[in-house]
Structure formats: structure tokens, C-alpha cells
Amino acid sequence: MKVVNSVSQAARRWQQRSAEAYRGAGHAGAPMSLLYVLADARRGLTLTEIADRMKITGASVTRLVDWLEDAGLVCRRRLIGDGRSRLVVMQEKGVTALAAFDGLAAAMRNRVFDGVPDDELVTALKVLDTLAARLMTDPGLRSEEGGVGEEVVDA
């Protein structure tokens, strides 16, 4: 339980500090992780592709895209050859916002990871990747009645 609590606490604190940094860049707490995902996909991504890459539900992706679209950071474009699907594409304003945030995020990462040996970070990443994969794929870790993404509360 100590590991679970430490990981949860570190994740919450990281999200809080990231949100503070984002507000410091002049934005109201937009989900920067989605912009990072889009930065690696110049042509844009469908909502399904974003959900797969971020490991979140389609409804969550829709809410994030709606917020970013309202802020002028992304837009939806019709997917050529499939009139039902749309691509989410980062706008110039999104590129600028991501660049501003990335400078703040790099400074934060440097402060947080200062003095932590690279080999320990590699080990921590392997452990976290293993845990994340098991939590996503092991059917024994999901409720029988719930769908994907629902967790067993008393674990």
C-alpha cells in the first residue's frame, strides 16, 4: 500500500504543479497532455486514436477536445474519405501554447529530477510501465460489471 499511496500522491502533486505552471503561461488549466499527443501527429488524430494513445475513454477525449477547441488550440476537420470521422488538429495557437508550457515543464522536470540518477529513473519507468499495463489488461483487476477503465475500489 505504501507504493500505491506514494505513486498516487506523486501523480496528484505533479498534476497540481503542472496546472499551476500552465496557468502561469496564461492559460486556464487546459489538458496539455492532449496537445503533446497531437504534436506528434501533424496530420491530426481521430478521437479514437487519441483515446488509444492517452488510454482514456472516448467521452473524456471529447470533453478535452471540446475545451481545447473552445480555447482555439485545436480544431476538428473532416477526415477525407470518411465523412463520419473527424481529425483533431492542433492550431497555431495550440503550438504556441505548447511551446510556452514546454519551457515551464522542462524547468519543473529539471528541478524535480535533479540529483536522481538516470539508472534509477529507468528502473522507475519500467516498474510504472509494468503496473500500468497490468492495470489496463488484467481482467482480474477490473470489476465484473464495469467496463474498461473501471477499477476495483477495494484493491
Protein backbone atom coordinates (compact mmCIF):
# COMPACT_ATOMS: atom_id res chain seq x y z
CA MET A 1 0.00 0.00 0.00
CA LYS A 2 2.89 2.36 0.65
CA VAL A 3 3.95 2.16 -3.01
CA VAL A 4 0.38 2.72 -4.22
CA ASN A 5 -0.06 5.73 -1.94
CA SER A 6 3.32 7.19 -2.93
CA VAL A 7 2.60 6.85 -6.65
CA SER A 8 -0.88 8.36 -6.22
CA GLN A 9 0.43 11.25 -4.14
CA ALA A 10 3.28 11.98 -6.55
CA ALA A 11 0.87 11.91 -9.52
CA ARG A 12 -1.56 14.31 -7.82
CA ARG A 13 1.23 16.70 -6.88
CA TRP A 14 2.68 16.55 -10.40
CA GLN A 15 -0.73 17.35 -11.89
CA GLN A 16 -1.21 20.24 -9.45
CA ARG A 17 2.20 21.75 -10.25
CA SER A 18 1.66 21.26 -13.98
CA ALA A 19 -1.71 23.04 -13.77
CA GLU A 20 -0.07 25.89 -11.85
CA ALA A 21 2.65 26.16 -14.50
CA TYR A 22 0.06 26.14 -17.27
CA ARG A 23 -1.92 28.93 -15.60
CA GLY A 24 1.39 30.77 -15.23
CA ALA A 25 1.73 30.58 -19.02
CA GLY A 26 -1.59 32.41 -19.34
CA HIS A 27 -3.99 29.52 -19.78
CA ALA A 28 -6.80 28.18 -17.64
CA GLY A 29 -5.63 24.64 -16.97
CA ALA A 30 -6.07 23.03 -20.39
CA PRO A 31 -5.08 19.38 -20.71
CA MET A 32 -1.58 19.76 -22.08
CA SER A 33 -1.09 16.02 -22.47
CA LEU A 34 -3.53 16.06 -25.39
CA LEU A 35 -1.53 18.80 -27.10
CA TYR A 36 1.63 16.71 -26.64
CA VAL A 37 -0.12 13.76 -28.30
CA LEU A 38 -1.22 15.97 -31.21
CA ALA A 39 2.26 17.47 -31.57
CA ASP A 40 3.48 14.03 -32.65
CA ALA A 41 0.74 13.71 -35.28
CA ARG A 42 0.99 16.51 -37.84
CA ARG A 43 -1.99 15.25 -39.89
CA GLY A 44 -4.14 15.11 -36.76
CA LEU A 45 -5.78 12.20 -34.97
CA THR A 46 -9.28 10.84 -34.68
CA LEU A 47 -10.96 10.80 -31.27
CA THR A 48 -10.46 7.02 -31.18
CA GLU A 49 -6.74 7.34 -31.90
CA ILE A 50 -6.39 9.95 -29.15
CA ALA A 51 -8.27 7.73 -26.67
CA ASP A 52 -6.00 4.80 -27.54
CA ARG A 53 -2.81 6.82 -27.16
CA MET A 54 -3.87 8.51 -23.93
CA LYS A 55 -5.54 5.39 -22.50
CA ILE A 56 -8.72 7.27 -21.62
CA THR A 57 -12.37 6.92 -22.60
CA GLY A 58 -13.90 8.44 -25.69
CA ALA A 59 -16.14 10.63 -23.53
CA SER A 60 -13.09 12.02 -21.74
CA VAL A 61 -11.38 12.74 -25.06
CA THR A 62 -14.49 14.53 -26.33
CA ARG A 63 -14.56 16.78 -23.25
CA LEU A 64 -10.84 17.59 -23.59
CA VAL A 65 -11.16 18.33 -27.32
CA ASP A 66 -14.25 20.48 -26.73
CA TRP A 67 -12.34 22.55 -24.16
CA LEU A 68 -9.26 22.92 -26.36
CA GLU A 69 -11.40 23.75 -29.39
CA ASP A 70 -13.28 26.44 -27.43
CA ALA A 71 -9.89 27.89 -26.45
CA GLY A 72 -8.80 27.94 -30.12
CA LEU A 73 -5.93 25.49 -29.52
CA VAL A 74 -7.27 22.67 -31.74
CA CYS A 75 -9.88 22.22 -34.45
CA ARG A 76 -11.82 19.32 -35.91
CA ARG A 77 -11.54 18.65 -39.64
CA ARG A 78 -13.47 16.19 -41.74
CA LEU A 79 -11.43 13.06 -42.50
CA ILE A 80 -11.05 12.74 -46.27
CA GLY A 81 -12.64 9.51 -47.45
CA ASP A 82 -14.73 9.06 -44.30
CA GLY A 83 -17.40 11.71 -43.87
CA ARG A 84 -18.35 10.41 -40.42
CA SER A 85 -14.91 10.77 -38.85
CA ARG A 86 -13.07 13.92 -37.94
CA LEU A 87 -9.44 14.63 -37.28
CA VAL A 88 -8.41 16.74 -34.31
CA VAL A 89 -5.62 19.04 -35.45
CA MET A 90 -3.54 21.42 -33.36
CA GLN A 91 -3.93 25.06 -34.38
CA GLU A 92 -1.11 27.63 -34.41
CA LYS A 93 -2.39 28.95 -31.08
CA GLY A 94 -2.01 25.41 -29.68
CA VAL A 95 1.56 25.17 -30.99
CA THR A 96 2.38 28.48 -29.30
CA ALA A 97 0.71 27.44 -26.04
CA LEU A 98 2.53 24.11 -26.04
CA ALA A 99 5.90 25.78 -26.66
CA ALA A 100 5.32 28.22 -23.79
CA PHE A 101 4.25 25.43 -21.48
CA ASP A 102 7.09 23.15 -22.55
CA GLY A 103 9.67 25.64 -21.30
CA LEU A 104 7.96 25.74 -17.91
CA ALA A 105 7.55 21.97 -17.85
CA ALA A 106 11.24 21.41 -18.68
CA ALA A 107 12.29 23.68 -15.82
CA MET A 108 9.94 21.79 -13.49
CA ARG A 109 11.28 18.40 -14.61
CA ASN A 110 14.85 19.59 -14.10
CA ARG A 111 14.09 20.72 -10.54
CA VAL A 112 12.12 17.61 -9.61
CA PHE A 113 14.58 15.10 -11.07
CA ASP A 114 17.75 16.96 -10.02
CA GLY A 115 20.10 14.52 -8.33
CA VAL A 116 18.12 11.40 -9.26
CA PRO A 117 20.47 9.06 -11.16
CA ASP A 118 19.39 8.14 -14.69
CA ASP A 119 19.53 4.40 -13.93
CA GLU A 120 17.02 4.88 -11.09
CA LEU A 121 14.69 6.79 -13.42
CA VAL A 122 14.95 3.98 -15.97
CA THR A 123 14.06 1.42 -13.29
CA ALA A 124 11.15 3.53 -12.00
CA LEU A 125 9.81 3.90 -15.56
CA LYS A 126 9.99 0.13 -16.14
CA VAL A 127 8.07 -0.53 -12.91
CA LEU A 128 5.42 2.10 -13.67
CA ASP A 129 5.01 0.85 -17.26
CA THR A 130 4.55 -2.71 -15.97
CA LEU A 131 1.97 -1.61 -13.41
CA ALA A 132 0.07 0.48 -15.95
CA ALA A 133 -0.01 -2.40 -18.45
CA ARG A 134 -1.30 -4.85 -15.86
CA LEU A 135 -3.95 -2.44 -14.63
CA MET A 136 -5.17 -1.97 -18.22
CA THR A 137 -5.09 -5.60 -19.37
CA ASP A 138 -5.59 -7.95 -16.40
CA PRO A 139 -9.29 -8.82 -16.28
CA GLY A 140 -8.95 -9.84 -12.63
CA LEU A 141 -8.21 -6.21 -11.77
CA ARG A 142 -11.47 -4.91 -13.26
CA SER A 143 -14.95 -5.24 -11.86
CA GLU A 144 -17.14 -7.92 -13.44
CA GLU A 145 -20.00 -5.50 -14.06
CA GLY A 146 -17.93 -2.48 -15.10
CA GLY A 147 -16.41 -1.70 -18.43
CA VAL A 148 -12.90 -0.88 -19.47
CA GLY A 149 -11.33 1.75 -17.28
CA GLU A 150 -13.41 0.96 -14.19
CA GLU A 151 -11.31 -0.12 -11.27
CA VAL A 152 -11.93 -2.35 -8.31
CA VAL A 153 -12.37 0.10 -5.43
CA ASP A 154 -11.15 -2.08 -2.56
CA ALA A 155 -7.89 -3.21 -4.18
